[in-house]
Amino acid sequence: MNISKPQQRTLHALAQGARIELLRDDQGRIIAADCITREGWRLTDCTLSVFKALKKRRFIASSGGGPYRITREGAVNLRAQLDNRVSPRGW
């Protein structure tokens, strides 16, 4: 599957324990998506368009109103790197 570099970077951060938090306006519409790494840094590659593309492909999901995290489908479609914490077979 073709995944852009910003999407790939975001998925790698999510595989290492990051989360995507959404910012909403007064009407509840999503105006921004912030990817917060496990160290507390903000990933600049994660934009609203990247978030929408990952959600559309079901690579990320939210559970119980919490932040968005990587799904099993997202982990399977990651390109292998040595520093990833989540392996698709280890679920």
PDB file of N, CA and C in Angstrom:
ATOM      1  N   MET A   1       0.828  -1.167   0.000  1.00  0.00           N
ATOM      2  CA  MET A   1       0.000   0.000   0.000  1.00  0.00           C
ATOM      3  C   MET A   1       0.879   1.239   0.000  1.00  0.00           C
ATOM      4  N   ASN A   2       0.467   2.259  -0.720  1.00  0.00           N
ATOM      5  CA  ASN A   2       1.233   3.489  -0.773  1.00  0.00           C
ATOM      6  C   ASN A   2       0.871   4.378   0.402  1.00  0.00           C
ATOM      7  N   ILE A   3       1.870   4.700   1.195  1.00  0.00           N
ATOM      8  CA  ILE A   3       1.689   5.568   2.353  1.00  0.00           C
ATOM      9  C   ILE A   3       2.723   6.679   2.234  1.00  0.00           C
ATOM     10  N   SER A   4       2.281   7.922   2.382  1.00  0.00           N
ATOM     11  CA  SER A   4       3.197   9.053   2.254  1.00  0.00           C
ATOM     12  C   SER A   4       4.179   9.082   3.431  1.00  0.00           C
ATOM     13  N   LYS A   5       5.259   9.847   3.251  1.00  0.00           N
ATOM     14  CA  LYS A   5       6.269   9.931   4.316  1.00  0.00           C
ATOM     15  C   LYS A   5       5.714  10.509   5.614  1.00  0.00           C
ATOM     16  N   PRO A   6       4.910  11.589   5.581  1.00  0.00           N
ATOM     17  CA  PRO A   6       4.340  12.068   6.849  1.00  0.00           C
ATOM     18  C   PRO A   6       3.430  11.038   7.518  1.00  0.00           C
ATOM     19  N   GLN A   7       2.666  10.291   6.719  1.00  0.00           N
ATOM     20  CA  GLN A   7       1.830   9.238   7.288  1.00  0.00           C
ATOM     21  C   GLN A   7       2.695   8.139   7.900  1.00  0.00           C
ATOM     22  N   GLN A   8       3.768   7.794   7.211  1.00  0.00           N
ATOM     23  CA  GLN A   8       4.678   6.762   7.698  1.00  0.00           C
ATOM     24  C   GLN A   8       5.338   7.195   9.017  1.00  0.00           C
ATOM     25  N   ARG A   9       5.777   8.462   9.085  1.00  0.00           N
ATOM     26  CA  ARG A   9       6.397   8.974  10.314  1.00  0.00           C
ATOM     27  C   ARG A   9       5.401   8.975  11.470  1.00  0.00           C
ATOM     28  N   THR A  10       4.172   9.353  11.174  1.00  0.00           N
ATOM     29  CA  THR A  10       3.145   9.375  12.211  1.00  0.00           C
ATOM     30  C   THR A  10       2.855   7.958  12.707  1.00  0.00           C
ATOM     31  N   LEU A  11       2.736   7.004  11.801  1.00  0.00           N
ATOM     32  CA  LEU A  11       2.494   5.615  12.205  1.00  0.00           C
ATOM     33  C   LEU A  11       3.644   5.058  13.034  1.00  0.00           C
ATOM     34  N   HIS A  12       4.882   5.405  12.674  1.00  0.00           N
ATOM     35  CA  HIS A  12       6.029   4.941  13.451  1.00  0.00           C
ATOM     36  C   HIS A  12       5.996   5.513  14.862  1.00  0.00           C
ATOM     37  N   ALA A  13       5.643   6.784  14.989  1.00  0.00           N
ATOM     38  CA  ALA A  13       5.544   7.387  16.315  1.00  0.00           C
ATOM     39  C   ALA A  13       4.429   6.719  17.123  1.00  0.00           C
ATOM     40  N   LEU A  14       3.301   6.441  16.473  1.00  0.00           N
ATOM     41  CA  LEU A  14       2.199   5.772  17.156  1.00  0.00           C
ATOM     42  C   LEU A  14       2.584   4.361  17.585  1.00  0.00           C
ATOM     43  N   ALA A  15       3.362   3.676  16.766  1.00  0.00           N
ATOM     44  CA  ALA A  15       3.808   2.323  17.111  1.00  0.00           C
ATOM     45  C   ALA A  15       4.729   2.346  18.328  1.00  0.00           C
ATOM     46  N   GLN A  16       5.384   3.465  18.559  1.00  0.00           N
ATOM     47  CA  GLN A  16       6.289   3.582  19.703  1.00  0.00           C
ATOM     48  C   GLN A  16       5.598   4.153  20.936  1.00  0.00           C
ATOM     49  N   GLY A  17       4.277   4.322  20.881  1.00  0.00           N
ATOM     50  CA  GLY A  17       3.542   4.746  22.064  1.00  0.00           C
ATOM     51  C   GLY A  17       2.974   6.148  22.016  1.00  0.00           C
ATOM     52  N   ALA A  18       3.022   6.801  20.877  1.00  0.00           N
ATOM     53  CA  ALA A  18       2.461   8.150  20.760  1.00  0.00           C
ATOM     54  C   ALA A  18       0.937   8.078  20.692  1.00  0.00           C
ATOM     55  N   ARG A  19       0.304   9.238  20.738  1.00  0.00           N
ATOM     56  CA  ARG A  19      -1.145   9.324  20.635  1.00  0.00           C
ATOM     57  C   ARG A  19      -1.524  10.567  19.837  1.00  0.00           C
ATOM     58  N   ILE A  20      -2.678  10.548  19.206  1.00  0.00           N
ATOM     59  CA  ILE A  20      -3.177  11.708  18.465  1.00  0.00           C
ATOM     60  C   ILE A  20      -4.344  12.294  19.240  1.00  0.00           C
ATOM     61  N   GLU A  21      -4.203  13.559  19.590  1.00  0.00           N
ATOM     62  CA  GLU A  21      -5.267  14.269  20.293  1.00  0.00           C
ATOM     63  C   GLU A  21      -5.858  15.302  19.348  1.00  0.00           C
ATOM     64  N   LEU A  22      -7.168  15.440  19.377  1.00  0.00           N
ATOM     65  CA  LEU A  22      -7.869  16.339  18.466  1.00  0.00           C
ATOM     66  C   LEU A  22      -8.246  17.635  19.168  1.00  0.00           C
ATOM     67  N   LEU A  23      -8.168  18.726  18.425  1.00  0.00           N
ATOM     68  CA  LEU A  23      -8.632  20.020  18.897  1.00  0.00           C
ATOM     69  C   LEU A  23      -9.920  20.335  18.151  1.00  0.00           C
ATOM     70  N   ARG A  24     -10.968  20.726  18.889  1.00  0.00           N
ATOM     71  CA  ARG A  24     -12.274  20.980  18.286  1.00  0.00           C
ATOM     72  C   ARG A  24     -12.702  22.421  18.541  1.00  0.00           C
ATOM     73  N   ASP A  25     -13.558  22.930  17.643  1.00  0.00           N
ATOM     74  CA  ASP A  25     -14.104  24.278  17.822  1.00  0.00           C
ATOM     75  C   ASP A  25     -15.366  24.198  18.687  1.00  0.00           C
ATOM     76  N   ASP A  26     -16.077  25.310  18.820  1.00  0.00           N
ATOM     77  CA  ASP A  26     -17.261  25.362  19.680  1.00  0.00           C
ATOM     78  C   ASP A  26     -18.398  24.467  19.190  1.00  0.00           C
ATOM     79  N   GLN A  27     -18.466  24.218  17.883  1.00  0.00           N
ATOM     80  CA  GLN A  27     -19.511  23.355  17.329  1.00  0.00           C
ATOM     81  C   GLN A  27     -19.114  21.875  17.343  1.00  0.00           C
ATOM     82  N   GLY A  28     -17.922  21.557  17.797  1.00  0.00           N
ATOM     83  CA  GLY A  28     -17.481  20.171  17.863  1.00  0.00           C
ATOM     84  C   GLY A  28     -16.756  19.681  16.630  1.00  0.00           C
ATOM     85  N   ARG A  29     -16.507  20.563  15.660  1.00  0.00           N
ATOM     86  CA  ARG A  29     -15.784  20.163  14.455  1.00  0.00           C
ATOM     87  C   ARG A  29     -14.281  20.107  14.741  1.00  0.00           C
ATOM     88  N   ILE A  30     -13.615  19.166  14.113  1.00  0.00           N
ATOM     89  CA  ILE A  30     -12.176  19.004  14.293  1.00  0.00           C
ATOM     90  C   ILE A  30     -11.460  20.113  13.534  1.00  0.00           C
ATOM     91  N   ILE A  31     -10.588  20.856  14.234  1.00  0.00           N
ATOM     92  CA  ILE A  31      -9.841  21.932  13.581  1.00  0.00           C
ATOM     93  C   ILE A  31      -8.349  21.625  13.515  1.00  0.00           C
ATOM     94  N   ALA A  32      -7.870  20.702  14.353  1.00  0.00           N
ATOM     95  CA  ALA A  32      -6.449  20.342  14.330  1.00  0.00           C
ATOM     96  C   ALA A  32      -6.257  18.976  14.981  1.00  0.00           C
ATOM     97  N   ALA A  33      -5.178  18.322  14.591  1.00  0.00           N
ATOM     98  CA  ALA A  33      -4.803  17.037  15.176  1.00  0.00           C
ATOM     99  C   ALA A  33      -3.341  17.133  15.614  1.00  0.00           C
ATOM    100  N   ASP A  34      -3.083  16.829  16.872  1.00  0.00           N
ATOM    101  CA  ASP A  34      -1.726  16.868  17.406  1.00  0.00           C
ATOM    102  C   ASP A  34      -1.284  15.465  17.777  1.00  0.00           C
ATOM    103  N   CYS A  35      -0.120  15.070  17.263  1.00  0.00           N
ATOM    104  CA  CYS A  35       0.465  13.786  17.623  1.00  0.00           C
ATOM    105  C   CYS A  35       1.491  14.048  18.726  1.00  0.00           C
ATOM    106  N   ILE A  36       1.235  13.497  19.896  1.00  0.00           N
ATOM    107  CA  ILE A  36       2.106  13.678  21.052  1.00  0.00           C
ATOM    108  C   ILE A  36       2.881  12.378  21.250  1.00  0.00           C
ATOM    109  N   THR A  37       4.217  12.464  21.198  1.00  0.00           N
ATOM    110  CA  THR A  37       5.044  11.265  21.364  1.00  0.00           C
ATOM    111  C   THR A  37       5.036  10.826  22.818  1.00  0.00           C
ATOM    112  N   ARG A  38       5.551   9.647  23.084  1.00  0.00           N
ATOM    113  CA  ARG A  38       5.564   9.151  24.458  1.00  0.00           C
ATOM    114  C   ARG A  38       6.478   9.973  25.354  1.00  0.00           C
ATOM    115  N   GLU A  39       7.420  10.709  24.750  1.00  0.00           N
ATOM    116  CA  GLU A  39       8.283  11.595  25.530  1.00  0.00           C
ATOM    117  C   GLU A  39       7.638  12.954  25.779  1.00  0.00           C
ATOM    118  N   GLY A  40       6.478  13.212  25.149  1.00  0.00           N
ATOM    119  CA  GLY A  40       5.779  14.469  25.338  1.00  0.00           C
ATOM    120  C   GLY A  40       6.022  15.503  24.249  1.00  0.00           C
ATOM    121  N   TRP A  41       6.742  15.151  23.206  1.00  0.00           N
ATOM    122  CA  TRP A  41       7.009  16.067  22.101  1.00  0.00           C
ATOM    123  C   TRP A  41       5.865  16.034  21.113  1.00  0.00           C
ATOM    124  N   ARG A  42       5.695  17.136  20.373  1.00  0.00           N
ATOM    125  CA  ARG A  42       4.667  17.228  19.338  1.00  0.00           C
ATOM    126  C   ARG A  42       5.298  16.928  17.983  1.00  0.00           C
ATOM    127  N   LEU A  43       4.715  15.994  17.242  1.00  0.00           N
ATOM    128  CA  LEU A  43       5.202  15.615  15.921  1.00  0.00           C
ATOM    129  C   LEU A  43       4.612  16.566  14.888  1.00  0.00           C
ATOM    130  N   THR A  44       5.462  17.291  14.157  1.00  0.00           N
ATOM    131  CA  THR A  44       4.976  18.289  13.208  1.00  0.00           C
ATOM    132  C   THR A  44       4.449  17.659  11.922  1.00  0.00           C
ATOM    133  N   ASP A  45       4.813  16.419  11.620  1.00  0.00           N
ATOM    134  CA  ASP A  45       4.338  15.754  10.407  1.00  0.00           C
ATOM    135  C   ASP A  45       2.860  15.388  10.483  1.00  0.00           C
ATOM    136  N   CYS A  46       2.303  15.343  11.657  1.00  0.00           N
ATOM    137  CA  CYS A  46       0.916  14.936  11.828  1.00  0.00           C
ATOM    138  C   CYS A  46       0.002  16.151  11.664  1.00  0.00           C
ATOM    139  N   THR A  47      -0.552  16.299  10.477  1.00  0.00           N
ATOM    140  CA  THR A  47      -1.484  17.387  10.186  1.00  0.00           C
ATOM    141  C   THR A  47      -2.899  16.829  10.137  1.00  0.00           C
ATOM    142  N   LEU A  48      -3.858  17.699   9.935  1.00  0.00           N
ATOM    143  CA  LEU A  48      -5.242  17.262   9.854  1.00  0.00           C
ATOM    144  C   LEU A  48      -5.466  16.352   8.645  1.00  0.00           C
ATOM    145  N   SER A  49      -4.806  16.649   7.539  1.00  0.00           N
ATOM    146  CA  SER A  49      -4.957  15.797   6.351  1.00  0.00           C
ATOM    147  C   SER A  49      -4.335  14.420   6.568  1.00  0.00           C
ATOM    148  N   VAL A  50      -3.202  14.348   7.263  1.00  0.00           N
ATOM    149  CA  VAL A  50      -2.584  13.056   7.585  1.00  0.00           C
ATOM    150  C   VAL A  50      -3.503  12.263   8.505  1.00  0.00           C
ATOM    151  N   PHE A  51      -4.055  12.939   9.511  1.00  0.00           N
ATOM    152  CA  PHE A  51      -4.981  12.275  10.430  1.00  0.00           C
ATOM    153  C   PHE A  51      -6.178  11.686   9.677  1.00  0.00           C
ATOM    154  N   LYS A  52      -6.785  12.482   8.794  1.00  0.00           N
ATOM    155  CA  LYS A  52      -7.946  12.015   8.047  1.00  0.00           C
ATOM    156  C   LYS A  52      -7.616  10.837   7.145  1.00  0.00           C
ATOM    157  N   ALA A  53      -6.426  10.872   6.524  1.00  0.00           N
ATOM    158  CA  ALA A  53      -6.027   9.770   5.644  1.00  0.00           C
ATOM    159  C   ALA A  53      -5.810   8.483   6.437  1.00  0.00           C
ATOM    160  N   LEU A  54      -5.159   8.580   7.603  1.00  0.00           N
ATOM    161  CA  LEU A  54      -4.921   7.396   8.431  1.00  0.00           C
ATOM    162  C   LEU A  54      -6.230   6.838   8.988  1.00  0.00           C
ATOM    163  N   LYS A  55      -7.137   7.728   9.358  1.00  0.00           N
ATOM    164  CA  LYS A  55      -8.429   7.285   9.874  1.00  0.00           C
ATOM    165  C   LYS A  55      -9.264   6.626   8.779  1.00  0.00           C
ATOM    166  N   LYS A  56      -9.220   7.195   7.577  1.00  0.00           N
ATOM    167  CA  LYS A  56      -9.970   6.641   6.454  1.00  0.00           C
ATOM    168  C   LYS A  56      -9.494   5.227   6.116  1.00  0.00           C
ATOM    169  N   ARG A  57      -8.193   5.001   6.216  1.00  0.00           N
ATOM    170  CA  ARG A  57      -7.642   3.672   5.932  1.00  0.00           C
ATOM    171  C   ARG A  57      -7.732   2.728   7.133  1.00  0.00           C
ATOM    172  N   ARG A  58      -8.280   3.220   8.244  1.00  0.00           N
ATOM    173  CA  ARG A  58      -8.435   2.455   9.489  1.00  0.00           C
ATOM    174  C   ARG A  58      -7.103   2.016  10.087  1.00  0.00           C
ATOM    175  N   PHE A  59      -6.080   2.861   9.932  1.00  0.00           N
ATOM    176  CA  PHE A  59      -4.786   2.597  10.547  1.00  0.00           C
ATOM    177  C   PHE A  59      -4.731   3.113  11.971  1.00  0.00           C
ATOM    178  N   ILE A  60      -5.650   4.004  12.335  1.00  0.00           N
ATOM    179  CA  ILE A  60      -5.739   4.533  13.692  1.00  0.00           C
ATOM    180  C   ILE A  60      -7.190   4.457  14.146  1.00  0.00           C
ATOM    181  N   ALA A  61      -7.387   4.392  15.465  1.00  0.00           N
ATOM    182  CA  ALA A  61      -8.743   4.351  16.011  1.00  0.00           C
ATOM    183  C   ALA A  61      -8.712   4.889  17.436  1.00  0.00           C
ATOM    184  N   SER A  62      -9.867   5.369  17.866  1.00  0.00           N
ATOM    185  CA  SER A  62     -10.051   5.847  19.221  1.00  0.00           C
ATOM    186  C   SER A  62     -10.941   4.861  19.957  1.00  0.00           C
ATOM    187  N   SER A  63     -10.663   4.660  21.226  1.00  0.00           N
ATOM    188  CA  SER A  63     -11.458   3.742  22.016  1.00  0.00           C
ATOM    189  C   SER A  63     -11.994   4.473  23.247  1.00  0.00           C
ATOM    190  N   GLY A  64     -13.293   4.458  23.418  1.00  0.00           N
ATOM    191  CA  GLY A  64     -13.898   5.059  24.601  1.00  0.00           C
ATOM    192  C   GLY A  64     -13.711   6.556  24.710  1.00  0.00           C
ATOM    193  N   GLY A  65     -13.630   7.260  23.596  1.00  0.00           N
ATOM    194  CA  GLY A  65     -13.462   8.706  23.621  1.00  0.00           C
ATOM    195  C   GLY A  65     -12.044   9.158  23.936  1.00  0.00           C
ATOM    196  N   GLY A  66     -11.106   8.235  23.975  1.00  0.00           N
ATOM    197  CA  GLY A  66      -9.719   8.564  24.276  1.00  0.00           C
ATOM    198  C   GLY A  66      -8.968   9.028  23.042  1.00  0.00           C
ATOM    199  N   PRO A  67      -7.667   9.230  23.180  1.00  0.00           N
ATOM    200  CA  PRO A  67      -6.869   9.654  22.025  1.00  0.00           C
ATOM    201  C   PRO A  67      -6.760   8.535  20.989  1.00  0.00           C
ATOM    202  N   TYR A  68      -6.437   8.920  19.776  1.00  0.00           N
ATOM    203  CA  TYR A  68      -6.288   7.952  18.689  1.00  0.00           C
ATOM    204  C   TYR A  68      -4.951   7.238  18.823  1.00  0.00           C
ATOM    205  N   ARG A  69      -4.973   5.931  18.609  1.00  0.00           N
ATOM    206  CA  ARG A  69      -3.774   5.092  18.665  1.00  0.00           C
ATOM    207  C   ARG A  69      -3.736   4.200  17.429  1.00  0.00           C
ATOM    208  N   ILE A  70      -2.603   3.575  17.189  1.00  0.00           N
ATOM    209  CA  ILE A  70      -2.441   2.709  16.030  1.00  0.00           C
ATOM    210  C   ILE A  70      -3.268   1.434  16.205  1.00  0.00           C
ATOM    211  N   THR A  71      -3.827   0.948  15.111  1.00  0.00           N
ATOM    212  CA  THR A  71      -4.595  -0.298  15.130  1.00  0.00           C
ATOM    213  C   THR A  71      -3.712  -1.438  14.634  1.00  0.00           C
ATOM    214  N   ARG A  72      -4.241  -2.639  14.718  1.00  0.00           N
ATOM    215  CA  ARG A  72      -3.507  -3.801  14.204  1.00  0.00           C
ATOM    216  C   ARG A  72      -3.262  -3.642  12.705  1.00  0.00           C
ATOM    217  N   GLU A  73      -4.270  -3.143  11.986  1.00  0.00           N
ATOM    218  CA  GLU A  73      -4.134  -2.911  10.541  1.00  0.00           C
ATOM    219  C   GLU A  73      -3.013  -1.910  10.256  1.00  0.00           C
ATOM    220  N   GLY A  74      -2.918  -0.868  11.074  1.00  0.00           N
ATOM    221  CA  GLY A  74      -1.859   0.123  10.910  1.00  0.00           C
ATOM    222  C   GLY A  74      -0.482  -0.466  11.173  1.00  0.00           C
ATOM    223  N   ALA A  75      -0.372  -1.321  12.174  1.00  0.00           N
ATOM    224  CA  ALA A  75       0.913  -1.944  12.493  1.00  0.00           C
ATOM    225  C   ALA A  75       1.351  -2.902  11.391  1.00  0.00           C
ATOM    226  N   VAL A  76       0.407  -3.592  10.786  1.00  0.00           N
ATOM    227  CA  VAL A  76       0.732  -4.526   9.699  1.00  0.00           C
ATOM    228  C   VAL A  76       1.262  -3.771   8.484  1.00  0.00           C
ATOM    229  N   ASN A  77       0.716  -2.585   8.217  1.00  0.00           N
ATOM    230  CA  ASN A  77       1.110  -1.819   7.044  1.00  0.00           C
ATOM    231  C   ASN A  77       2.324  -0.936   7.264  1.00  0.00           C
ATOM    232  N   LEU A  78       2.916  -0.972   8.438  1.00  0.00           N
ATOM    233  CA  LEU A  78       4.149  -0.227   8.684  1.00  0.00           C
ATOM    234  C   LEU A  78       5.316  -0.904   7.983  1.00  0.00           C
ATOM    235  N   ARG A  79       6.213  -0.103   7.489  1.00  0.00           N
ATOM    236  CA  ARG A  79       7.457  -0.678   6.989  1.00  0.00           C
ATOM    237  C   ARG A  79       8.329  -1.008   8.183  1.00  0.00           C
ATOM    238  N   ALA A  80       9.021  -2.121   8.135  1.00  0.00           N
ATOM    239  CA  ALA A  80       9.800  -2.575   9.270  1.00  0.00           C
ATOM    240  C   ALA A  80      10.945  -1.621   9.583  1.00  0.00           C
ATOM    241  N   GLN A  81      11.079  -1.308  10.855  1.00  0.00           N
ATOM    242  CA  GLN A  81      12.217  -0.549  11.365  1.00  0.00           C
ATOM    243  C   GLN A  81      12.597  -1.163  12.695  1.00  0.00           C
ATOM    244  N   LEU A  82      13.862  -1.073  13.036  1.00  0.00           N
ATOM    245  CA  LEU A  82      14.348  -1.722  14.237  1.00  0.00           C
ATOM    246  C   LEU A  82      13.804  -1.111  15.518  1.00  0.00           C
ATOM    247  N   ASP A  83      13.473   0.179  15.518  1.00  0.00           N
ATOM    248  CA  ASP A  83      13.106   0.827  16.748  1.00  0.00           C
ATOM    249  C   ASP A  83      11.602   0.819  17.042  1.00  0.00           C
ATOM    250  N   ASN A  84      10.789   0.123  16.267  1.00  0.00           N
ATOM    251  CA  ASN A  84       9.362   0.074  16.551  1.00  0.00           C
ATOM    252  C   ASN A  84       9.097  -0.787  17.775  1.00  0.00           C
ATOM    253  N   ARG A  85       8.195  -0.332  18.621  1.00  0.00           N
ATOM    254  CA  ARG A  85       7.877  -1.049  19.851  1.00  0.00           C
ATOM    255  C   ARG A  85       6.799  -2.100  19.642  1.00  0.00           C
ATOM    256  N   VAL A  86       5.906  -1.873  18.701  1.00  0.00           N
ATOM    257  CA  VAL A  86       4.781  -2.779  18.487  1.00  0.00           C
ATOM    258  C   VAL A  86       5.063  -3.646  17.271  1.00  0.00           C
ATOM    259  N   SER A  87       4.932  -4.950  17.437  1.00  0.00           N
ATOM    260  CA  SER A  87       5.045  -5.818  16.272  1.00  0.00           C
ATOM    261  C   SER A  87       3.641  -6.326  15.938  1.00  0.00           C
ATOM    262  N   PRO A  88       3.306  -6.422  14.662  1.00  0.00           N
ATOM    263  CA  PRO A  88       1.957  -6.846  14.291  1.00  0.00           C
ATOM    264  C   PRO A  88       1.616  -8.232  14.770  1.00  0.00           C
ATOM    265  N   ARG A  89       2.580  -9.078  14.990  1.00  0.00           N
ATOM    266  CA  ARG A  89       2.316 -10.443  15.433  1.00  0.00           C
ATOM    267  C   ARG A  89       2.239 -10.544  16.953  1.00  0.00           C
ATOM    268  N   GLY A  90       2.666  -9.502  17.662  1.00  0.00           N
ATOM    269  CA  GLY A  90       2.727  -9.558  19.117  1.00  0.00           C
ATOM    270  C   GLY A  90       1.475  -9.078  19.813  1.00  0.00           C
ATOM    271  N   TRP A  91       0.369  -8.959  19.118  1.00  0.00           N
ATOM    272  CA  TRP A  91      -0.853  -8.444  19.749  1.00  0.00           C
ATOM    273  C   TRP A  91      -1.529  -9.497  20.517  1.00  0.00           C
TER     274      TRP A  91
END
